[in-house]
Amino acid sequence: MSVEVQVVERVLNANDRCDQCGSQAYFAVFLEAGELYFCRHHYFKNETALKEVATDIIDQSAELHHRQETGAYPDSLDQS
């Protein structure tokens, strides 16, 4: 019996909030026990410890620069 594995690319959006302060999350940290979401400030405050225990990290902080330069979200982000 064969098992098909699907890889789904996760895109963070405005509904994803920092677990520490509630700001929009630009980092998702995947751990053995679950997921944590962070704004840029709190991710970098905890970066060393998070990298030691994370199984995967999504970094979409480049979107901050895009929004500052253009005032808009790229088409790839669903803000609904």
Protein backbone atom coordinates (compact mmCIF):
# COMPACT_ATOMS: atom_id res chain seq x y z
CA MET A 1 0.00 0.00 0.00
CA SER A 2 1.37 3.37 -1.05
CA VAL A 3 0.81 6.59 0.88
CA GLU A 4 0.72 9.84 -1.04
CA VAL A 5 2.32 12.79 0.72
CA GLN A 6 1.27 16.30 -0.18
CA VAL A 7 3.44 19.31 0.47
CA VAL A 8 1.41 22.43 1.13
CA GLU A 9 3.11 25.80 1.08
CA ARG A 10 1.87 27.87 4.00
CA VAL A 11 1.39 31.59 3.45
CA LEU A 12 0.87 33.75 6.51
CA ASN A 13 -1.82 36.40 6.26
CA ALA A 14 -3.36 39.16 8.37
CA ASN A 15 -5.30 36.58 10.40
CA ASP A 16 -2.08 35.04 11.74
CA ARG A 17 -1.16 36.83 14.98
CA CYS A 18 1.96 36.91 17.17
CA ASP A 19 1.50 34.59 20.15
CA GLN A 20 3.23 37.09 22.43
CA CYS A 21 1.69 40.46 21.53
CA GLY A 22 -1.11 39.92 19.00
CA SER A 23 0.54 41.87 16.15
CA GLN A 24 0.50 40.41 12.65
CA ALA A 25 2.76 37.36 12.48
CA TYR A 26 5.49 37.21 9.87
CA PHE A 27 7.17 34.11 11.29
CA ALA A 28 5.71 30.65 11.85
CA VAL A 29 7.86 28.30 13.92
CA PHE A 30 7.03 24.61 13.76
CA LEU A 31 7.94 22.42 16.72
CA GLU A 32 7.43 18.75 17.52
CA ALA A 33 4.50 19.79 19.75
CA GLY A 34 2.86 22.36 17.46
CA GLU A 35 3.27 25.80 15.94
CA LEU A 36 4.12 29.25 17.25
CA TYR A 37 3.61 32.57 15.47
CA PHE A 38 5.69 35.70 15.93
CA CYS A 39 5.89 39.30 14.81
CA ARG A 40 9.35 40.39 13.65
CA HIS A 41 10.26 41.90 17.04
CA HIS A 42 9.41 38.83 19.12
CA TYR A 43 10.92 36.39 16.64
CA PHE A 44 14.29 38.12 16.75
CA LYS A 45 14.07 38.47 20.53
CA ASN A 46 13.77 34.65 20.77
CA GLU A 47 15.56 33.60 17.57
CA THR A 48 18.46 31.67 19.11
CA ALA A 49 16.26 29.52 21.33
CA LEU A 50 13.68 28.96 18.58
CA LYS A 51 16.26 27.76 16.07
CA GLU A 52 17.47 25.17 18.57
CA VAL A 53 14.05 23.49 18.85
CA ALA A 54 12.30 24.26 15.54
CA THR A 55 11.65 21.61 12.92
CA ASP A 56 10.85 24.33 10.35
CA ILE A 57 10.54 28.11 10.23
CA ILE A 58 8.58 30.22 7.77
CA ASP A 59 9.99 33.74 7.40
CA GLN A 60 7.76 36.17 5.53
CA SER A 61 9.25 39.31 7.06
CA ALA A 62 10.23 40.52 3.57
CA GLU A 63 6.53 41.37 3.20
CA LEU A 64 7.08 44.17 5.73
CA HIS A 65 9.53 45.86 3.38
CA HIS A 66 7.20 45.36 0.41
CA ARG A 67 4.31 46.98 2.30
CA GLN A 68 6.47 49.90 3.43
CA GLU A 69 7.69 50.56 -0.11
CA THR A 70 4.38 50.12 -1.94
CA GLY A 71 1.71 50.50 0.72
CA ALA A 72 0.09 47.32 -0.59
CA TYR A 73 0.18 43.59 -0.17
CA PRO A 74 1.59 41.46 -2.99
CA ASP A 75 -0.97 39.49 -5.01
CA SER A 76 0.28 36.26 -3.43
CA LEU A 77 -1.10 37.16 0.01
CA ASP A 78 -4.74 36.66 0.76
CA GLN A 79 -5.77 39.34 3.24
CA SER A 80 -9.37 38.22 3.62
